[in-house]
Amino acid sequence: MPDRKTEDFHCAKCGFKEKLCVAEEGKGPPWCPTQNRERVRTAAMQKYEDPELREFARLASVQEGACCAARDAVPFVPTEETYLSLEKRKPQLDASPNIIL
């Protein structure tokens, strides 16, 4: 097994529509860390119990969603609308005391 620091799970290559990492009844490929690394998965889920980390993850998904607008454009260039969408959320992001923008 590779060193933990260099281990690469290739989750982005998963072709399953109903993914095990998203739904308990989902499926994953033979190399899926969700189905093969119970100890690591359990430890990671315990980290999400920390309210600060949970809020950070939530706000990261807000930013990711805003920045993925018009991702089908080639080449993708963030639009003014993308930035304005983030600006509308800025007070919400600023309200989180331990998140540095």
N, C-alpha and C. Protein backbone atom coordinates (compact mmCIF):
# COMPACT_ATOMS: atom_id res chain seq x y z
N MET A 1 0.85 -1.18 0.00
CA MET A 1 0.00 0.00 0.00
C MET A 1 0.89 1.24 0.00
N PRO A 2 0.52 2.28 -0.77
CA PRO A 2 1.33 3.49 -0.83
C PRO A 2 1.40 4.22 0.50
N ASP A 3 2.42 5.03 0.66
CA ASP A 3 2.58 5.88 1.83
C ASP A 3 1.36 6.79 1.94
N ARG A 4 0.87 7.03 3.16
CA ARG A 4 -0.33 7.87 3.35
C ARG A 4 -0.16 9.25 2.73
N LYS A 5 1.04 9.79 2.75
CA LYS A 5 1.26 11.14 2.24
C LYS A 5 1.20 11.20 0.72
N THR A 6 1.40 10.08 0.05
CA THR A 6 1.41 10.09 -1.41
C THR A 6 0.24 9.31 -2.00
N GLU A 7 -0.60 8.77 -1.16
CA GLU A 7 -1.72 7.96 -1.63
C GLU A 7 -2.67 8.80 -2.48
N ASP A 8 -3.09 8.25 -3.60
CA ASP A 8 -3.96 8.95 -4.52
C ASP A 8 -5.18 8.06 -4.77
N PHE A 9 -6.35 8.54 -4.39
CA PHE A 9 -7.55 7.71 -4.48
C PHE A 9 -8.28 7.78 -5.82
N HIS A 10 -8.04 8.78 -6.64
CA HIS A 10 -8.67 8.90 -7.96
C HIS A 10 -10.19 9.01 -7.89
N CYS A 11 -10.72 9.65 -6.87
CA CYS A 11 -12.17 9.78 -6.72
C CYS A 11 -12.82 10.47 -7.91
N ALA A 12 -12.10 11.39 -8.52
CA ALA A 12 -12.65 12.12 -9.67
C ALA A 12 -12.90 11.18 -10.85
N LYS A 13 -12.28 10.02 -10.86
CA LYS A 13 -12.45 9.08 -11.97
C LYS A 13 -13.62 8.11 -11.74
N CYS A 14 -14.29 8.23 -10.61
CA CYS A 14 -15.41 7.33 -10.31
C CYS A 14 -16.54 7.58 -11.29
N GLY A 15 -17.00 6.53 -11.93
CA GLY A 15 -18.04 6.67 -12.94
C GLY A 15 -19.44 6.31 -12.44
N PHE A 16 -19.59 6.02 -11.16
CA PHE A 16 -20.89 5.63 -10.65
C PHE A 16 -21.80 6.84 -10.47
N LYS A 17 -23.03 6.73 -10.95
CA LYS A 17 -23.98 7.83 -10.81
C LYS A 17 -24.42 7.96 -9.35
N GLU A 18 -24.78 6.85 -8.73
CA GLU A 18 -25.17 6.83 -7.31
C GLU A 18 -23.92 6.41 -6.53
N LYS A 19 -23.16 7.39 -6.08
CA LYS A 19 -21.87 7.14 -5.43
C LYS A 19 -22.04 6.76 -3.96
N LEU A 20 -21.26 5.81 -3.52
CA LEU A 20 -21.27 5.37 -2.13
C LEU A 20 -20.86 6.50 -1.20
N CYS A 21 -20.01 7.39 -1.65
CA CYS A 21 -19.55 8.50 -0.80
C CYS A 21 -20.63 9.56 -0.63
N VAL A 22 -21.71 9.47 -1.41
CA VAL A 22 -22.80 10.45 -1.33
C VAL A 22 -24.05 9.84 -0.69
N ALA A 23 -24.29 8.57 -0.95
CA ALA A 23 -25.49 7.90 -0.43
C ALA A 23 -25.12 6.52 0.10
N GLU A 24 -25.71 6.17 1.23
CA GLU A 24 -25.40 4.86 1.84
C GLU A 24 -25.70 3.70 0.91
N GLU A 25 -26.71 3.83 0.05
CA GLU A 25 -27.06 2.75 -0.87
C GLU A 25 -26.31 2.86 -2.19
N GLY A 26 -25.38 3.80 -2.29
CA GLY A 26 -24.59 3.98 -3.51
C GLY A 26 -23.57 2.87 -3.72
N LYS A 27 -22.86 2.98 -4.82
CA LYS A 27 -21.83 1.98 -5.17
C LYS A 27 -20.54 2.70 -5.51
N GLY A 28 -19.46 1.94 -5.52
CA GLY A 28 -18.16 2.50 -5.86
C GLY A 28 -17.30 1.48 -6.56
N PRO A 29 -16.25 1.93 -7.24
CA PRO A 29 -15.34 1.01 -7.92
C PRO A 29 -14.51 0.23 -6.90
N PRO A 30 -13.81 -0.81 -7.33
CA PRO A 30 -13.02 -1.62 -6.40
C PRO A 30 -11.99 -0.82 -5.59
N TRP A 31 -11.50 0.27 -6.13
CA TRP A 31 -10.48 1.08 -5.45
C TRP A 31 -11.09 2.20 -4.60
N CYS A 32 -12.41 2.22 -4.42
CA CYS A 32 -13.12 3.27 -3.69
C CYS A 32 -12.68 3.32 -2.22
N PRO A 33 -12.14 4.45 -1.76
CA PRO A 33 -11.72 4.55 -0.37
C PRO A 33 -12.90 4.50 0.60
N THR A 34 -14.09 4.93 0.17
CA THR A 34 -15.25 4.89 1.06
C THR A 34 -15.59 3.46 1.44
N GLN A 35 -15.47 2.55 0.50
CA GLN A 35 -15.80 1.16 0.81
C GLN A 35 -14.61 0.37 1.34
N ASN A 36 -13.40 0.86 1.12
CA ASN A 36 -12.21 0.09 1.51
C ASN A 36 -11.45 0.64 2.71
N ARG A 37 -11.75 1.85 3.13
CA ARG A 37 -10.98 2.49 4.19
C ARG A 37 -11.89 2.94 5.33
N GLU A 38 -12.57 2.02 5.94
CA GLU A 38 -13.55 2.32 6.99
C GLU A 38 -12.96 3.17 8.11
N ARG A 39 -11.77 2.85 8.57
CA ARG A 39 -11.16 3.59 9.68
C ARG A 39 -10.92 5.05 9.30
N VAL A 40 -10.43 5.27 8.10
CA VAL A 40 -10.16 6.63 7.63
C VAL A 40 -11.47 7.39 7.44
N ARG A 41 -12.46 6.73 6.86
CA ARG A 41 -13.77 7.36 6.63
C ARG A 41 -14.42 7.75 7.95
N THR A 42 -14.38 6.87 8.92
CA THR A 42 -14.97 7.16 10.22
C THR A 42 -14.27 8.33 10.89
N ALA A 43 -12.95 8.36 10.83
CA ALA A 43 -12.19 9.47 11.42
C ALA A 43 -12.53 10.79 10.73
N ALA A 44 -12.67 10.76 9.41
CA ALA A 44 -13.00 11.98 8.66
C ALA A 44 -14.39 12.47 9.04
N MET A 45 -15.34 11.58 9.15
CA MET A 45 -16.70 11.97 9.50
C MET A 45 -16.76 12.55 10.92
N GLN A 46 -15.93 12.03 11.82
CA GLN A 46 -15.88 12.58 13.17
C GLN A 46 -15.37 14.02 13.16
N LYS A 47 -14.45 14.33 12.26
CA LYS A 47 -13.94 15.70 12.14
C LYS A 47 -15.07 16.67 11.79
N TYR A 48 -16.03 16.22 10.98
CA TYR A 48 -17.14 17.09 10.58
C TYR A 48 -18.08 17.42 11.73
N GLU A 49 -17.93 16.77 12.85
CA GLU A 49 -18.74 17.10 14.02
C GLU A 49 -18.30 18.44 14.63
N ASP A 50 -17.09 18.88 14.31
CA ASP A 50 -16.59 20.18 14.78
C ASP A 50 -17.38 21.27 14.05
N PRO A 51 -18.15 22.10 14.77
CA PRO A 51 -18.98 23.12 14.13
C PRO A 51 -18.19 24.08 13.25
N GLU A 52 -16.98 24.41 13.66
CA GLU A 52 -16.14 25.33 12.88
C GLU A 52 -15.77 24.71 11.53
N LEU A 53 -15.36 23.46 11.55
CA LEU A 53 -15.00 22.77 10.32
C LEU A 53 -16.22 22.56 9.43
N ARG A 54 -17.34 22.22 10.03
CA ARG A 54 -18.58 22.01 9.28
C ARG A 54 -18.98 23.30 8.55
N GLU A 55 -18.88 24.43 9.23
CA GLU A 55 -19.23 25.72 8.61
C GLU A 55 -18.23 26.07 7.50
N PHE A 56 -16.96 25.80 7.73
CA PHE A 56 -15.95 26.05 6.70
C PHE A 56 -16.27 25.25 5.44
N ALA A 57 -16.61 23.98 5.62
CA ALA A 57 -16.94 23.12 4.47
C ALA A 57 -18.19 23.63 3.76
N ARG A 58 -19.18 24.07 4.51
CA ARG A 58 -20.41 24.59 3.91
C ARG A 58 -20.12 25.83 3.07
N LEU A 59 -19.34 26.76 3.64
CA LEU A 59 -19.03 27.99 2.91
C LEU A 59 -18.13 27.72 1.70
N ALA A 60 -17.27 26.72 1.80
CA ALA A 60 -16.44 26.35 0.65
C ALA A 60 -17.33 25.86 -0.49
N SER A 61 -18.39 25.13 -0.16
CA SER A 61 -19.29 24.65 -1.21
C SER A 61 -20.08 25.80 -1.82
N VAL A 62 -20.40 26.82 -1.02
CA VAL A 62 -21.08 28.01 -1.55
C VAL A 62 -20.18 28.69 -2.57
N GLN A 63 -18.92 28.87 -2.22
CA GLN A 63 -17.97 29.51 -3.13
C GLN A 63 -17.78 28.66 -4.39
N GLU A 64 -17.63 27.37 -4.22
CA GLU A 64 -17.44 26.48 -5.36
C GLU A 64 -18.61 26.57 -6.32
N GLY A 65 -19.83 26.58 -5.78
CA GLY A 65 -21.02 26.68 -6.62
C GLY A 65 -21.05 27.99 -7.40
N ALA A 66 -20.69 29.08 -6.74
CA ALA A 66 -20.69 30.38 -7.40
C ALA A 66 -19.64 30.44 -8.50
N CYS A 67 -18.53 29.81 -8.29
CA CYS A 67 -17.43 29.87 -9.27
C CYS A 67 -17.61 28.89 -10.41
N CYS A 68 -18.55 27.99 -10.29
CA CYS A 68 -18.76 27.01 -11.36
C CYS A 68 -19.85 27.43 -12.32
N ALA A 69 -20.38 28.65 -12.19
CA ALA A 69 -21.37 29.14 -13.13
C ALA A 69 -20.74 29.18 -14.52
N ALA A 70 -21.47 28.76 -15.51
CA ALA A 70 -21.02 28.76 -16.91
C ALA A 70 -19.77 27.92 -17.12
N ARG A 71 -19.65 26.81 -16.39
CA ARG A 71 -18.45 25.97 -16.54
C ARG A 71 -18.40 25.29 -17.90
N ASP A 72 -19.51 25.27 -18.63
CA ASP A 72 -19.48 24.63 -19.93
C ASP A 72 -18.85 25.52 -21.00
N ALA A 73 -18.59 26.77 -20.66
CA ALA A 73 -17.94 27.68 -21.61
C ALA A 73 -16.49 27.26 -21.81
N VAL A 74 -16.02 27.34 -23.05
CA VAL A 74 -14.63 26.98 -23.35
C VAL A 74 -13.96 28.16 -24.01
N PRO A 75 -12.89 28.70 -23.48
CA PRO A 75 -12.35 28.39 -22.16
C PRO A 75 -13.20 29.05 -21.07
N PHE A 76 -13.18 28.44 -19.90
CA PHE A 76 -13.94 28.99 -18.78
C PHE A 76 -13.22 30.22 -18.24
N VAL A 77 -13.94 31.29 -18.14
CA VAL A 77 -13.42 32.52 -17.55
C VAL A 77 -14.48 32.99 -16.57
N PRO A 78 -14.12 33.14 -15.28
CA PRO A 78 -15.12 33.63 -14.32
C PRO A 78 -15.70 34.95 -14.82
N THR A 79 -17.01 35.05 -14.76
CA THR A 79 -17.69 36.25 -15.23
C THR A 79 -17.90 37.23 -14.10
N GLU A 80 -18.30 38.43 -14.47
CA GLU A 80 -18.64 39.43 -13.45
C GLU A 80 -19.79 38.91 -12.60
N GLU A 81 -20.71 38.18 -13.23
CA GLU A 81 -21.83 37.61 -12.50
C GLU A 81 -21.35 36.63 -11.42
N THR A 82 -20.32 35.85 -11.74
CA THR A 82 -19.75 34.93 -10.77
C THR A 82 -19.24 35.69 -9.56
N TYR A 83 -18.50 36.76 -9.81
CA TYR A 83 -17.96 37.54 -8.71
C TYR A 83 -19.05 38.26 -7.94
N LEU A 84 -20.08 38.74 -8.64
CA LEU A 84 -21.19 39.42 -7.96
C LEU A 84 -21.94 38.44 -7.07
N SER A 85 -22.07 37.21 -7.53
CA SER A 85 -22.73 36.18 -6.73
C SER A 85 -21.98 35.98 -5.41
N LEU A 86 -20.65 35.97 -5.48
CA LEU A 86 -19.85 35.84 -4.26
C LEU A 86 -20.00 37.08 -3.38
N GLU A 87 -20.03 38.26 -4.01
CA GLU A 87 -20.17 39.49 -3.24
C GLU A 87 -21.47 39.51 -2.45
N LYS A 88 -22.56 38.98 -3.03
CA LYS A 88 -23.84 38.92 -2.32
C LYS A 88 -23.73 38.06 -1.07
N ARG A 89 -22.88 37.06 -1.12
CA ARG A 89 -22.71 36.14 0.02
C ARG A 89 -21.63 36.61 0.99
N LYS A 90 -20.89 37.64 0.63
CA LYS A 90 -19.77 38.08 1.45
C LYS A 90 -20.16 38.37 2.90
N PRO A 91 -21.29 39.07 3.17
CA PRO A 91 -21.64 39.28 4.59
C PRO A 91 -21.79 37.97 5.35
N GLN A 92 -22.34 36.97 4.69
CA GLN A 92 -22.50 35.66 5.32
C GLN A 92 -21.13 35.02 5.56
N LEU A 93 -20.25 35.15 4.59
CA LEU A 93 -18.91 34.59 4.74
C LEU A 93 -18.13 35.34 5.82
N ASP A 94 -18.26 36.67 5.83
CA ASP A 94 -17.56 37.50 6.83
C ASP A 94 -18.04 37.21 8.25
N ALA A 95 -19.29 36.76 8.38
CA ALA A 95 -19.87 36.51 9.70
C ALA A 95 -19.24 35.30 10.38
N SER A 96 -18.51 34.49 9.64
CA SER A 96 -17.86 33.33 10.22
C SER A 96 -16.51 33.75 10.76
N PRO A 97 -16.35 33.80 12.08
CA PRO A 97 -15.17 34.39 12.71
C PRO A 97 -13.85 33.72 12.39
N ASN A 98 -13.83 32.46 12.07
CA ASN A 98 -12.56 31.76 11.88
C ASN A 98 -12.26 31.43 10.43
N ILE A 99 -12.95 32.10 9.53
CA ILE A 99 -12.70 31.88 8.12
C ILE A 99 -12.06 33.12 7.55
N ILE A 100 -10.90 32.93 6.96
CA ILE A 100 -10.16 34.06 6.40
C ILE A 100 -10.48 34.15 4.91
N LEU A 101 -10.92 35.30 4.49
CA LEU A 101 -11.23 35.50 3.07
C LEU A 101 -10.07 36.17 2.38
